[in-house]
Amino acid sequence: MNRNASLSPWLVPIVAIVMSAQAPVVRAEMIGTDAMFVQNQAEQDRAKVQYFLDRANVKERLQAMGVSGVVAKDRVGALGDQEVHALAQRIDSMPAGGRLGNTEIIIILLVAILVVLAL
C-alpha cells in the first residue's frame, strides 16, 4: 500500500499533461457573405438545371436524341459551377411556356458532349 500511495501524487499531473498534449487545436474564422452567396448561387443554379431536366417535355426531347435522363443528370453533375450557371441563365432566358428551340437543344447537346470528352 505504501507504494500506491507514493504514485498517486504523480499520477494526476502526468495524466493531465498527456491528455492536454492530445487535445486538438480548434480554429474559428469569419466567413464573408460573398463566399456564402457564391456557394448558395451555385447550389441554386444546379438545382434549377436538375429541375429543368426532370420536366417531361425535356426528357422526351432528350430521349428522341438518344440521351437518357439519368445520363443527362450525371453529365450535369460533372459540370463546373460556371458551366451550370451558364445553363441556368439560358433556362431563365427561355420564353415561358415555350418549347425548346433548335438553338437551345444544340447548346445543351454541345455542353453534354464537352463534358463527356472532358472525362
N, C-alpha and C. Protein backbone atom coordinates (compact mmCIF):
# COMPACT_ATOMS: atom_id res chain seq x y z
N MET A 1 0.80 -1.20 0.00
CA MET A 1 0.00 0.00 0.00
C MET A 1 0.84 1.26 0.00
N ASN A 2 1.95 1.16 0.55
CA ASN A 2 2.83 2.30 0.63
C ASN A 2 3.29 2.72 -0.76
N ARG A 3 3.50 1.76 -1.64
CA ARG A 3 3.92 2.07 -3.00
C ARG A 3 2.82 2.79 -3.78
N ASN A 4 1.57 2.35 -3.65
CA ASN A 4 0.44 3.00 -4.33
C ASN A 4 0.23 4.42 -3.84
N ALA A 5 0.45 4.65 -2.58
CA ALA A 5 0.28 6.00 -2.03
C ALA A 5 1.33 6.95 -2.56
N SER A 6 2.53 6.44 -2.88
CA SER A 6 3.57 7.31 -3.41
C SER A 6 3.37 7.61 -4.89
N LEU A 7 2.67 6.76 -5.66
CA LEU A 7 2.40 7.00 -7.08
C LEU A 7 1.24 7.98 -7.29
N SER A 8 0.36 8.03 -6.37
CA SER A 8 -0.84 8.82 -6.50
C SER A 8 -0.58 10.32 -6.73
N PRO A 9 0.32 10.99 -6.01
CA PRO A 9 0.53 12.41 -6.29
C PRO A 9 1.15 12.68 -7.65
N TRP A 10 1.87 11.72 -8.21
CA TRP A 10 2.50 11.89 -9.52
C TRP A 10 1.58 11.50 -10.67
N LEU A 11 0.62 10.65 -10.39
CA LEU A 11 -0.23 10.12 -11.45
C LEU A 11 -1.14 11.18 -12.06
N VAL A 12 -1.73 12.01 -11.24
CA VAL A 12 -2.67 13.01 -11.74
C VAL A 12 -1.97 14.04 -12.64
N PRO A 13 -0.83 14.62 -12.26
CA PRO A 13 -0.19 15.58 -13.18
C PRO A 13 0.29 14.94 -14.48
N ILE A 14 0.77 13.71 -14.42
CA ILE A 14 1.23 13.03 -15.62
C ILE A 14 0.06 12.79 -16.58
N VAL A 15 -1.05 12.32 -16.05
CA VAL A 15 -2.24 12.08 -16.90
C VAL A 15 -2.74 13.41 -17.47
N ALA A 16 -2.72 14.48 -16.70
CA ALA A 16 -3.17 15.78 -17.19
C ALA A 16 -2.29 16.29 -18.32
N ILE A 17 -0.97 16.10 -18.20
CA ILE A 17 -0.05 16.53 -19.25
C ILE A 17 -0.26 15.73 -20.52
N VAL A 18 -0.42 14.41 -20.38
CA VAL A 18 -0.63 13.55 -21.55
C VAL A 18 -1.95 13.90 -22.23
N MET A 19 -3.00 14.13 -21.47
CA MET A 19 -4.30 14.46 -22.06
C MET A 19 -4.29 15.82 -22.74
N SER A 20 -3.58 16.79 -22.16
CA SER A 20 -3.55 18.12 -22.79
C SER A 20 -2.70 18.11 -24.05
N ALA A 21 -1.73 17.22 -24.15
CA ALA A 21 -0.91 17.13 -25.35
C ALA A 21 -1.70 16.56 -26.51
N GLN A 22 -2.71 15.78 -26.23
CA GLN A 22 -3.51 15.15 -27.29
C GLN A 22 -4.74 15.95 -27.66
N ALA A 23 -5.00 17.05 -27.01
CA ALA A 23 -6.18 17.85 -27.30
C ALA A 23 -6.04 18.50 -28.68
N PRO A 24 -7.07 18.43 -29.52
CA PRO A 24 -6.99 19.03 -30.84
C PRO A 24 -7.03 20.55 -30.77
N VAL A 25 -6.42 21.16 -31.74
CA VAL A 25 -6.43 22.62 -31.83
C VAL A 25 -7.62 23.02 -32.68
N VAL A 26 -8.40 23.95 -32.18
CA VAL A 26 -9.61 24.39 -32.88
C VAL A 26 -9.42 25.84 -33.29
N ARG A 27 -9.77 26.12 -34.55
CA ARG A 27 -9.70 27.48 -35.08
C ARG A 27 -11.03 27.87 -35.66
N ALA A 28 -11.43 29.07 -35.41
CA ALA A 28 -12.67 29.58 -35.98
C ALA A 28 -12.36 30.86 -36.75
N GLU A 29 -12.98 30.99 -37.93
CA GLU A 29 -12.79 32.18 -38.74
C GLU A 29 -14.14 32.70 -39.18
N MET A 30 -14.16 33.95 -39.47
CA MET A 30 -15.38 34.55 -40.00
C MET A 30 -15.51 34.20 -41.48
N ILE A 31 -16.72 33.93 -41.91
CA ILE A 31 -16.98 33.64 -43.31
C ILE A 31 -17.71 34.85 -43.88
N GLY A 32 -17.17 35.37 -44.96
CA GLY A 32 -17.78 36.54 -45.58
C GLY A 32 -19.08 36.19 -46.29
N THR A 33 -19.92 37.17 -46.45
CA THR A 33 -21.19 36.93 -47.14
C THR A 33 -20.97 36.64 -48.62
N ASP A 34 -19.86 37.11 -49.17
CA ASP A 34 -19.57 36.83 -50.58
C ASP A 34 -19.41 35.33 -50.80
N ALA A 35 -18.67 34.67 -49.93
CA ALA A 35 -18.45 33.23 -50.07
C ALA A 35 -19.76 32.47 -49.93
N MET A 36 -20.59 32.89 -48.99
CA MET A 36 -21.87 32.21 -48.79
C MET A 36 -22.78 32.43 -50.00
N PHE A 37 -22.77 33.64 -50.57
CA PHE A 37 -23.62 33.93 -51.71
C PHE A 37 -23.20 33.11 -52.93
N VAL A 38 -21.89 33.00 -53.18
CA VAL A 38 -21.40 32.25 -54.33
C VAL A 38 -21.77 30.79 -54.19
N GLN A 39 -21.58 30.23 -52.99
CA GLN A 39 -21.91 28.82 -52.78
C GLN A 39 -23.41 28.60 -52.93
N ASN A 40 -24.20 29.49 -52.36
CA ASN A 40 -25.64 29.38 -52.44
C ASN A 40 -26.12 29.53 -53.89
N GLN A 41 -25.52 30.45 -54.63
CA GLN A 41 -25.89 30.67 -56.02
C GLN A 41 -25.58 29.43 -56.86
N ALA A 42 -24.44 28.81 -56.63
CA ALA A 42 -24.07 27.60 -57.37
C ALA A 42 -25.05 26.47 -57.09
N GLU A 43 -25.45 26.33 -55.84
CA GLU A 43 -26.42 25.29 -55.49
C GLU A 43 -27.78 25.56 -56.14
N GLN A 44 -28.19 26.82 -56.15
CA GLN A 44 -29.46 27.18 -56.78
C GLN A 44 -29.43 26.92 -58.28
N ASP A 45 -28.33 27.28 -58.93
CA ASP A 45 -28.21 27.04 -60.37
C ASP A 45 -28.25 25.55 -60.69
N ARG A 46 -27.54 24.75 -59.91
CA ARG A 46 -27.52 23.31 -60.14
C ARG A 46 -28.91 22.72 -59.94
N ALA A 47 -29.62 23.19 -58.91
CA ALA A 47 -30.99 22.71 -58.67
C ALA A 47 -31.92 23.12 -59.81
N LYS A 48 -31.72 24.32 -60.35
CA LYS A 48 -32.55 24.79 -61.45
C LYS A 48 -32.36 23.92 -62.69
N VAL A 49 -31.10 23.59 -63.00
CA VAL A 49 -30.82 22.76 -64.18
C VAL A 49 -31.35 21.35 -63.97
N GLN A 50 -31.19 20.80 -62.76
CA GLN A 50 -31.70 19.45 -62.48
C GLN A 50 -33.23 19.44 -62.58
N TYR A 51 -33.89 20.48 -62.07
CA TYR A 51 -35.34 20.57 -62.18
C TYR A 51 -35.77 20.66 -63.64
N PHE A 52 -35.01 21.40 -64.44
CA PHE A 52 -35.30 21.53 -65.86
C PHE A 52 -35.22 20.16 -66.54
N LEU A 53 -34.22 19.36 -66.18
CA LEU A 53 -34.07 18.04 -66.78
C LEU A 53 -35.16 17.07 -66.33
N ASP A 54 -35.81 17.35 -65.20
CA ASP A 54 -36.88 16.49 -64.71
C ASP A 54 -38.21 16.72 -65.43
N ARG A 55 -38.31 17.80 -66.18
CA ARG A 55 -39.56 18.09 -66.88
C ARG A 55 -39.81 17.05 -67.96
N ALA A 56 -41.07 16.70 -68.14
CA ALA A 56 -41.45 15.62 -69.07
C ALA A 56 -41.08 15.95 -70.51
N ASN A 57 -41.33 17.18 -70.94
CA ASN A 57 -41.03 17.51 -72.34
C ASN A 57 -39.53 17.51 -72.62
N VAL A 58 -38.74 17.87 -71.63
CA VAL A 58 -37.28 17.84 -71.82
C VAL A 58 -36.80 16.40 -71.88
N LYS A 59 -37.36 15.55 -71.02
CA LYS A 59 -36.99 14.12 -71.05
C LYS A 59 -37.34 13.49 -72.39
N GLU A 60 -38.53 13.83 -72.91
CA GLU A 60 -38.94 13.29 -74.21
C GLU A 60 -37.98 13.74 -75.30
N ARG A 61 -37.62 15.00 -75.27
CA ARG A 61 -36.72 15.56 -76.29
C ARG A 61 -35.34 14.92 -76.22
N LEU A 62 -34.84 14.72 -75.00
CA LEU A 62 -33.54 14.08 -74.84
C LEU A 62 -33.59 12.62 -75.29
N GLN A 63 -34.70 11.93 -74.98
CA GLN A 63 -34.86 10.54 -75.42
C GLN A 63 -34.88 10.46 -76.94
N ALA A 64 -35.53 11.43 -77.58
CA ALA A 64 -35.58 11.45 -79.04
C ALA A 64 -34.19 11.62 -79.63
N MET A 65 -33.31 12.28 -78.89
CA MET A 65 -31.94 12.49 -79.36
C MET A 65 -31.00 11.37 -78.92
N GLY A 66 -31.53 10.41 -78.16
CA GLY A 66 -30.71 9.27 -77.74
C GLY A 66 -29.97 9.46 -76.43
N VAL A 67 -30.38 10.43 -75.63
CA VAL A 67 -29.73 10.67 -74.33
C VAL A 67 -30.75 10.37 -73.24
N SER A 68 -30.39 9.46 -72.33
CA SER A 68 -31.33 9.13 -71.25
C SER A 68 -31.27 10.21 -70.17
N GLY A 69 -32.34 10.28 -69.40
CA GLY A 69 -32.40 11.28 -68.33
C GLY A 69 -31.33 11.07 -67.27
N VAL A 70 -31.01 9.82 -66.97
CA VAL A 70 -30.00 9.51 -65.96
C VAL A 70 -28.63 9.98 -66.43
N VAL A 71 -28.32 9.74 -67.69
CA VAL A 71 -27.03 10.16 -68.24
C VAL A 71 -26.94 11.68 -68.25
N ALA A 72 -28.03 12.34 -68.60
CA ALA A 72 -28.03 13.80 -68.62
C ALA A 72 -27.81 14.36 -67.22
N LYS A 73 -28.43 13.77 -66.21
CA LYS A 73 -28.23 14.24 -64.84
C LYS A 73 -26.80 14.01 -64.38
N ASP A 74 -26.23 12.88 -64.76
CA ASP A 74 -24.83 12.61 -64.41
C ASP A 74 -23.91 13.62 -65.06
N ARG A 75 -24.21 13.97 -66.30
CA ARG A 75 -23.38 14.96 -67.01
C ARG A 75 -23.49 16.33 -66.37
N VAL A 76 -24.69 16.70 -65.95
CA VAL A 76 -24.86 17.99 -65.27
C VAL A 76 -24.12 17.96 -63.93
N GLY A 77 -24.14 16.83 -63.26
CA GLY A 77 -23.41 16.71 -62.01
C GLY A 77 -21.91 16.88 -62.19
N ALA A 78 -21.41 16.54 -63.37
CA ALA A 78 -19.98 16.66 -63.65
C ALA A 78 -19.58 18.06 -64.12
N LEU A 79 -20.55 18.91 -64.41
CA LEU A 79 -20.24 20.26 -64.88
C LEU A 79 -19.68 21.11 -63.75
N GLY A 80 -18.87 22.07 -64.12
CA GLY A 80 -18.34 23.04 -63.16
C GLY A 80 -19.40 24.09 -62.84
N ASP A 81 -19.13 24.88 -61.82
CA ASP A 81 -20.10 25.89 -61.38
C ASP A 81 -20.38 26.93 -62.46
N GLN A 82 -19.35 27.34 -63.20
CA GLN A 82 -19.56 28.34 -64.25
C GLN A 82 -20.41 27.79 -65.39
N GLU A 83 -20.19 26.53 -65.74
CA GLU A 83 -20.97 25.91 -66.82
C GLU A 83 -22.43 25.76 -66.40
N VAL A 84 -22.66 25.36 -65.15
CA VAL A 84 -24.03 25.22 -64.66
C VAL A 84 -24.70 26.59 -64.60
N HIS A 85 -23.95 27.61 -64.21
CA HIS A 85 -24.51 28.97 -64.16
C HIS A 85 -24.92 29.43 -65.56
N ALA A 86 -24.08 29.12 -66.56
CA ALA A 86 -24.41 29.49 -67.94
C ALA A 86 -25.68 28.78 -68.40
N LEU A 87 -25.82 27.49 -68.07
CA LEU A 87 -27.04 26.77 -68.44
C LEU A 87 -28.25 27.34 -67.72
N ALA A 88 -28.10 27.67 -66.44
CA ALA A 88 -29.22 28.24 -65.68
C ALA A 88 -29.65 29.58 -66.27
N GLN A 89 -28.70 30.37 -66.72
CA GLN A 89 -29.05 31.64 -67.36
C GLN A 89 -29.79 31.40 -68.67
N ARG A 90 -29.38 30.38 -69.43
CA ARG A 90 -30.08 30.07 -70.68
C ARG A 90 -31.51 29.62 -70.39
N ILE A 91 -31.68 28.85 -69.32
CA ILE A 91 -33.03 28.40 -68.94
C ILE A 91 -33.88 29.61 -68.57
N ASP A 92 -33.30 30.56 -67.83
CA ASP A 92 -34.05 31.75 -67.44
C ASP A 92 -34.43 32.61 -68.63
N SER A 93 -33.60 32.60 -69.67
CA SER A 93 -33.87 33.46 -70.82
C SER A 93 -34.86 32.83 -71.81
N MET A 94 -35.21 31.57 -71.59
CA MET A 94 -36.15 30.90 -72.49
C MET A 94 -37.55 31.48 -72.29
N PRO A 95 -38.34 31.52 -73.34
CA PRO A 95 -39.70 32.05 -73.19
C PRO A 95 -40.55 31.14 -72.30
N ALA A 96 -41.37 31.75 -71.48
CA ALA A 96 -42.23 30.99 -70.58
C ALA A 96 -43.28 30.25 -71.39
N GLY A 97 -43.45 28.99 -71.09
CA GLY A 97 -44.45 28.18 -71.77
C GLY A 97 -44.03 27.76 -73.16
N GLY A 98 -42.87 28.19 -73.60
CA GLY A 98 -42.40 27.82 -74.93
C GLY A 98 -41.73 26.45 -74.90
N ARG A 99 -41.44 25.97 -76.08
CA ARG A 99 -40.73 24.70 -76.14
C ARG A 99 -39.30 24.97 -76.55
N LEU A 100 -38.47 23.98 -76.40
CA LEU A 100 -37.07 24.15 -76.73
C LEU A 100 -36.91 24.39 -78.22
N GLY A 101 -36.16 25.40 -78.55
CA GLY A 101 -35.84 25.65 -79.94
C GLY A 101 -34.58 24.89 -80.32
N ASN A 102 -34.27 24.92 -81.59
CA ASN A 102 -33.09 24.21 -82.06
C ASN A 102 -31.81 24.75 -81.42
N THR A 103 -31.74 26.04 -81.21
CA THR A 103 -30.54 26.64 -80.63
C THR A 103 -30.30 26.11 -79.21
N GLU A 104 -31.37 26.09 -78.40
CA GLU A 104 -31.22 25.60 -77.02
C GLU A 104 -30.83 24.14 -76.99
N ILE A 105 -31.43 23.34 -77.84
CA ILE A 105 -31.11 21.91 -77.86
C ILE A 105 -29.66 21.70 -78.29
N ILE A 106 -29.22 22.45 -79.28
CA ILE A 106 -27.83 22.31 -79.74
C ILE A 106 -26.87 22.71 -78.63
N ILE A 107 -27.17 23.78 -77.91
CA ILE A 107 -26.29 24.21 -76.81
C ILE A 107 -26.24 23.15 -75.72
N ILE A 108 -27.39 22.60 -75.35
CA ILE A 108 -27.42 21.57 -74.32
C ILE A 108 -26.63 20.35 -74.77
N LEU A 109 -26.78 19.94 -76.02
CA LEU A 109 -26.04 18.79 -76.53
C LEU A 109 -24.54 19.07 -76.59
N LEU A 110 -24.17 20.27 -77.00
CA LEU A 110 -22.75 20.61 -77.06
C LEU A 110 -22.11 20.56 -75.67
N VAL A 111 -22.81 21.10 -74.69
CA VAL A 111 -22.29 21.05 -73.32
C VAL A 111 -22.18 19.61 -72.84
N ALA A 112 -23.18 18.79 -73.15
CA ALA A 112 -23.14 17.38 -72.74
C ALA A 112 -21.97 16.66 -73.42
N ILE A 113 -21.76 16.92 -74.68
CA ILE A 113 -20.65 16.28 -75.40
C ILE A 113 -19.31 16.75 -74.84
N LEU A 114 -19.19 18.03 -74.55
CA LEU A 114 -17.95 18.55 -73.96
C LEU A 114 -17.66 17.91 -72.61
N VAL A 115 -18.69 17.69 -71.84
CA VAL A 115 -18.49 17.04 -70.53
C VAL A 115 -18.00 15.62 -70.72
N VAL A 116 -18.60 14.91 -71.67
CA VAL A 116 -18.17 13.53 -71.91
C VAL A 116 -16.73 13.49 -72.40
N LEU A 117 -16.36 14.40 -73.27
CA LEU A 117 -14.99 14.42 -73.78
C LEU A 117 -13.99 14.84 -72.70
N ALA A 118 -14.43 15.68 -71.76
CA ALA A 118 -13.54 16.14 -70.70
C ALA A 118 -13.25 15.01 -69.70
N LEU A 119 -14.15 14.06 -69.59
CA LEU A 119 -13.93 12.96 -68.64
C LEU A 119 -12.99 12.02 -69.26
